[in-house]
Amino acid sequence: QVQLVESGGGTVQPGGSLKLSCAVSGMPFSSEHMSWYLQTPGEQLKWVASVDTTGIRSAGATSYANSVKGRFTISRNDVRDILFLQMNNLKPEDSGVYYCKARDYDHWGQGTQVTIAA
């Protein structure tokens, strides 16, 4: 049974930091291209960042939405099957529910709420 459990959200002031985690089970995590998405009220789901597998060809390549480039860092621990998103210099527009997802699986977790407010 595929499960993705996001955690680490909270409320911080602008300029603050949070580190999100996504614990994955029921799939071969180390073989999966993984991503973070952001859902804000009234808007479509937005892609935030992705990390490829750490094989010879992809070497864990990362990519980011322009809005978070230089502020967010996506990473993965293939031993513990956990995906991370380090978020620095947070802005109010970063607020919403963050979800992780594997490219090859149509499963979503419950998400974790991030609120940036003064």
C-alpha atoms as a PDB file:
ATOM      1  CA  GLN A   1       0.000   0.000   0.000  1.00  0.00           C
ATOM      2  CA  VAL A   2       1.491   3.290  -1.121  1.00  0.00           C
ATOM      3  CA  GLN A   3       1.635   5.955   1.567  1.00  0.00           C
ATOM      4  CA  LEU A   4       3.056   9.472   1.593  1.00  0.00           C
ATOM      5  CA  VAL A   5       3.038  11.294   4.899  1.00  0.00           C
ATOM      6  CA  GLU A   6       4.005  14.947   4.859  1.00  0.00           C
ATOM      7  CA  SER A   7       5.038  16.810   7.997  1.00  0.00           C
ATOM      8  CA  GLY A   8       6.976  19.832   9.187  1.00  0.00           C
ATOM      9  CA  GLY A   9       4.573  22.597   8.313  1.00  0.00           C
ATOM     10  CA  GLY A  10       3.663  25.419  10.647  1.00  0.00           C
ATOM     11  CA  THR A  11       3.318  29.154  10.991  1.00  0.00           C
ATOM     12  CA  VAL A  12       6.368  31.374  10.670  1.00  0.00           C
ATOM     13  CA  GLN A  13       7.051  35.028  10.035  1.00  0.00           C
ATOM     14  CA  PRO A  14       8.230  36.302   6.656  1.00  0.00           C
ATOM     15  CA  GLY A  15      11.915  35.591   6.278  1.00  0.00           C
ATOM     16  CA  GLY A  16      11.689  32.499   8.432  1.00  0.00           C
ATOM     17  CA  SER A  17      12.497  28.892   7.598  1.00  0.00           C
ATOM     18  CA  LEU A  18      10.803  25.520   7.685  1.00  0.00           C
ATOM     19  CA  LYS A  19      11.879  22.030   6.688  1.00  0.00           C
ATOM     20  CA  LEU A  20       9.212  19.738   5.327  1.00  0.00           C
ATOM     21  CA  SER A  21       9.476  15.962   5.304  1.00  0.00           C
ATOM     22  CA  CYS A  22       7.624  13.317   3.332  1.00  0.00           C
ATOM     23  CA  ALA A  23       7.874   9.739   4.567  1.00  0.00           C
ATOM     24  CA  VAL A  24       7.205   7.298   1.760  1.00  0.00           C
ATOM     25  CA  SER A  25       6.292   3.616   1.891  1.00  0.00           C
ATOM     26  CA  GLY A  26       4.844   0.987  -0.431  1.00  0.00           C
ATOM     27  CA  MET A  27       6.964   1.940  -3.430  1.00  0.00           C
ATOM     28  CA  PRO A  28      10.623   1.674  -4.459  1.00  0.00           C
ATOM     29  CA  PHE A  29      11.447   5.179  -3.250  1.00  0.00           C
ATOM     30  CA  SER A  30      15.037   5.210  -4.455  1.00  0.00           C
ATOM     31  CA  SER A  31      13.820   4.513  -8.005  1.00  0.00           C
ATOM     32  CA  GLU A  32      11.270   7.302  -8.015  1.00  0.00           C
ATOM     33  CA  HIS A  33      11.473  10.861  -9.302  1.00  0.00           C
ATOM     34  CA  MET A  34       9.902  12.907  -6.495  1.00  0.00           C
ATOM     35  CA  SER A  35       8.293  16.326  -6.356  1.00  0.00           C
ATOM     36  CA  TRP A  36       6.740  18.860  -4.016  1.00  0.00           C
ATOM     37  CA  TYR A  37       3.567  20.733  -4.905  1.00  0.00           C
ATOM     38  CA  LEU A  38       1.736  23.664  -3.306  1.00  0.00           C
ATOM     39  CA  GLN A  39      -2.021  24.051  -3.097  1.00  0.00           C
ATOM     40  CA  THR A  40      -3.330  27.498  -2.245  1.00  0.00           C
ATOM     41  CA  PRO A  41      -7.023  28.318  -1.762  1.00  0.00           C
ATOM     42  CA  GLY A  42      -8.780  29.066  -5.021  1.00  0.00           C
ATOM     43  CA  GLU A  43      -5.751  28.254  -7.132  1.00  0.00           C
ATOM     44  CA  GLN A  44      -4.525  25.274  -9.046  1.00  0.00           C
ATOM     45  CA  LEU A  45      -1.940  22.944  -7.635  1.00  0.00           C
ATOM     46  CA  LYS A  46       1.498  24.428  -8.311  1.00  0.00           C
ATOM     47  CA  TRP A  47       4.701  22.522  -8.848  1.00  0.00           C
ATOM     48  CA  VAL A  48       7.449  23.633  -6.467  1.00  0.00           C
ATOM     49  CA  ALA A  49      10.483  21.402  -6.882  1.00  0.00           C
ATOM     50  CA  SER A  50      11.637  17.993  -8.063  1.00  0.00           C
ATOM     51  CA  VAL A  51      14.524  15.654  -7.454  1.00  0.00           C
ATOM     52  CA  ASP A  52      15.498  12.840  -9.744  1.00  0.00           C
ATOM     53  CA  THR A  53      16.838   9.473  -8.713  1.00  0.00           C
ATOM     54  CA  THR A  54      20.450   9.247  -7.627  1.00  0.00           C
ATOM     55  CA  GLY A  55      21.472   6.812 -10.309  1.00  0.00           C
ATOM     56  CA  ILE A  56      24.425   7.205 -12.622  1.00  0.00           C
ATOM     57  CA  ARG A  57      22.443   9.008 -15.319  1.00  0.00           C
ATOM     58  CA  SER A  58      20.418  11.430 -13.211  1.00  0.00           C
ATOM     59  CA  ALA A  59      22.624  11.860 -10.142  1.00  0.00           C
ATOM     60  CA  GLY A  60      19.793  13.303  -8.133  1.00  0.00           C
ATOM     61  CA  ALA A  61      19.274  16.295 -10.385  1.00  0.00           C
ATOM     62  CA  THR A  62      17.048  18.971  -8.886  1.00  0.00           C
ATOM     63  CA  SER A  63      14.769  21.555 -10.438  1.00  0.00           C
ATOM     64  CA  TYR A  64      12.752  24.425  -8.981  1.00  0.00           C
ATOM     65  CA  ALA A  65       9.950  26.757  -9.822  1.00  0.00           C
ATOM     66  CA  ASN A  66      11.295  30.247 -10.478  1.00  0.00           C
ATOM     67  CA  SER A  67       9.395  31.595  -7.477  1.00  0.00           C
ATOM     68  CA  VAL A  68      11.383  29.446  -5.036  1.00  0.00           C
ATOM     69  CA  LYS A  69      14.738  29.165  -6.770  1.00  0.00           C
ATOM     70  CA  GLY A  70      17.553  30.160  -4.430  1.00  0.00           C
ATOM     71  CA  ARG A  71      15.320  29.892  -1.364  1.00  0.00           C
ATOM     72  CA  PHE A  72      14.146  26.258  -1.321  1.00  0.00           C
ATOM     73  CA  THR A  73      16.225  23.081  -1.448  1.00  0.00           C
ATOM     74  CA  ILE A  74      14.791  19.671  -2.223  1.00  0.00           C
ATOM     75  CA  SER A  75      16.659  16.574  -1.094  1.00  0.00           C
ATOM     76  CA  ARG A  76      16.111  12.907  -0.465  1.00  0.00           C
ATOM     77  CA  ASN A  77      17.307  10.167   1.860  1.00  0.00           C
ATOM     78  CA  ASP A  78      17.094   6.887   0.008  1.00  0.00           C
ATOM     79  CA  VAL A  79      18.042   4.873   3.098  1.00  0.00           C
ATOM     80  CA  ARG A  80      15.141   6.203   5.158  1.00  0.00           C
ATOM     81  CA  ASP A  81      12.781   6.754   2.178  1.00  0.00           C
ATOM     82  CA  ILE A  82      12.175  10.386   3.067  1.00  0.00           C
ATOM     83  CA  LEU A  83      11.873  13.430   0.839  1.00  0.00           C
ATOM     84  CA  PHE A  84      12.728  16.862   2.230  1.00  0.00           C
ATOM     85  CA  LEU A  85      12.086  20.469   1.342  1.00  0.00           C
ATOM     86  CA  GLN A  86      14.178  23.077   3.135  1.00  0.00           C
ATOM     87  CA  MET A  87      12.432  26.417   2.798  1.00  0.00           C
ATOM     88  CA  ASN A  88      14.313  29.609   3.655  1.00  0.00           C
ATOM     89  CA  ASN A  89      13.450  33.283   3.420  1.00  0.00           C
ATOM     90  CA  LEU A  90       9.778  32.417   3.354  1.00  0.00           C
ATOM     91  CA  LYS A  91       7.269  34.825   1.866  1.00  0.00           C
ATOM     92  CA  PRO A  92       3.508  35.143   2.394  1.00  0.00           C
ATOM     93  CA  GLU A  93       2.914  33.760  -1.101  1.00  0.00           C
ATOM     94  CA  ASP A  94       4.589  30.514  -0.023  1.00  0.00           C
ATOM     95  CA  SER A  95       1.602  29.802   2.228  1.00  0.00           C
ATOM     96  CA  GLY A  96      -0.615  26.819   1.518  1.00  0.00           C
ATOM     97  CA  VAL A  97      -0.681  23.057   1.775  1.00  0.00           C
ATOM     98  CA  TYR A  98       2.413  21.251   0.545  1.00  0.00           C
ATOM     99  CA  TYR A  99       2.222  17.782  -0.927  1.00  0.00           C
ATOM    100  CA  CYS A 100       4.842  15.334  -2.095  1.00  0.00           C
ATOM    101  CA  LYS A 101       4.328  12.988  -5.006  1.00  0.00           C
ATOM    102  CA  ALA A 102       6.141  10.306  -6.921  1.00  0.00           C
ATOM    103  CA  ARG A 103       6.017  10.744 -10.685  1.00  0.00           C
ATOM    104  CA  ASP A 104       5.032   7.139 -11.364  1.00  0.00           C
ATOM    105  CA  TYR A 105       2.331   6.823  -8.710  1.00  0.00           C
ATOM    106  CA  ASP A 106      -1.032   8.576  -8.594  1.00  0.00           C
ATOM    107  CA  HIS A 107      -1.086   8.836  -4.804  1.00  0.00           C
ATOM    108  CA  TRP A 108      -1.170  11.889  -2.575  1.00  0.00           C
ATOM    109  CA  GLY A 109      -0.696  12.329   1.130  1.00  0.00           C
ATOM    110  CA  GLN A 110      -2.692  14.550   3.447  1.00  0.00           C
ATOM    111  CA  GLY A 111      -0.316  17.451   2.949  1.00  0.00           C
ATOM    112  CA  THR A 112       1.206  19.772   5.504  1.00  0.00           C
ATOM    113  CA  GLN A 113       0.018  23.349   6.061  1.00  0.00           C
ATOM    114  CA  VAL A 114       2.495  26.203   5.819  1.00  0.00           C
ATOM    115  CA  THR A 115       1.435  29.685   6.863  1.00  0.00           C
ATOM    116  CA  ILE A 116       3.640  32.728   6.518  1.00  0.00           C
ATOM    117  CA  ALA A 117       2.298  35.624   8.506  1.00  0.00           C
ATOM    118  CA  ALA A 118       3.715  38.571  10.384  1.00  0.00           C
END
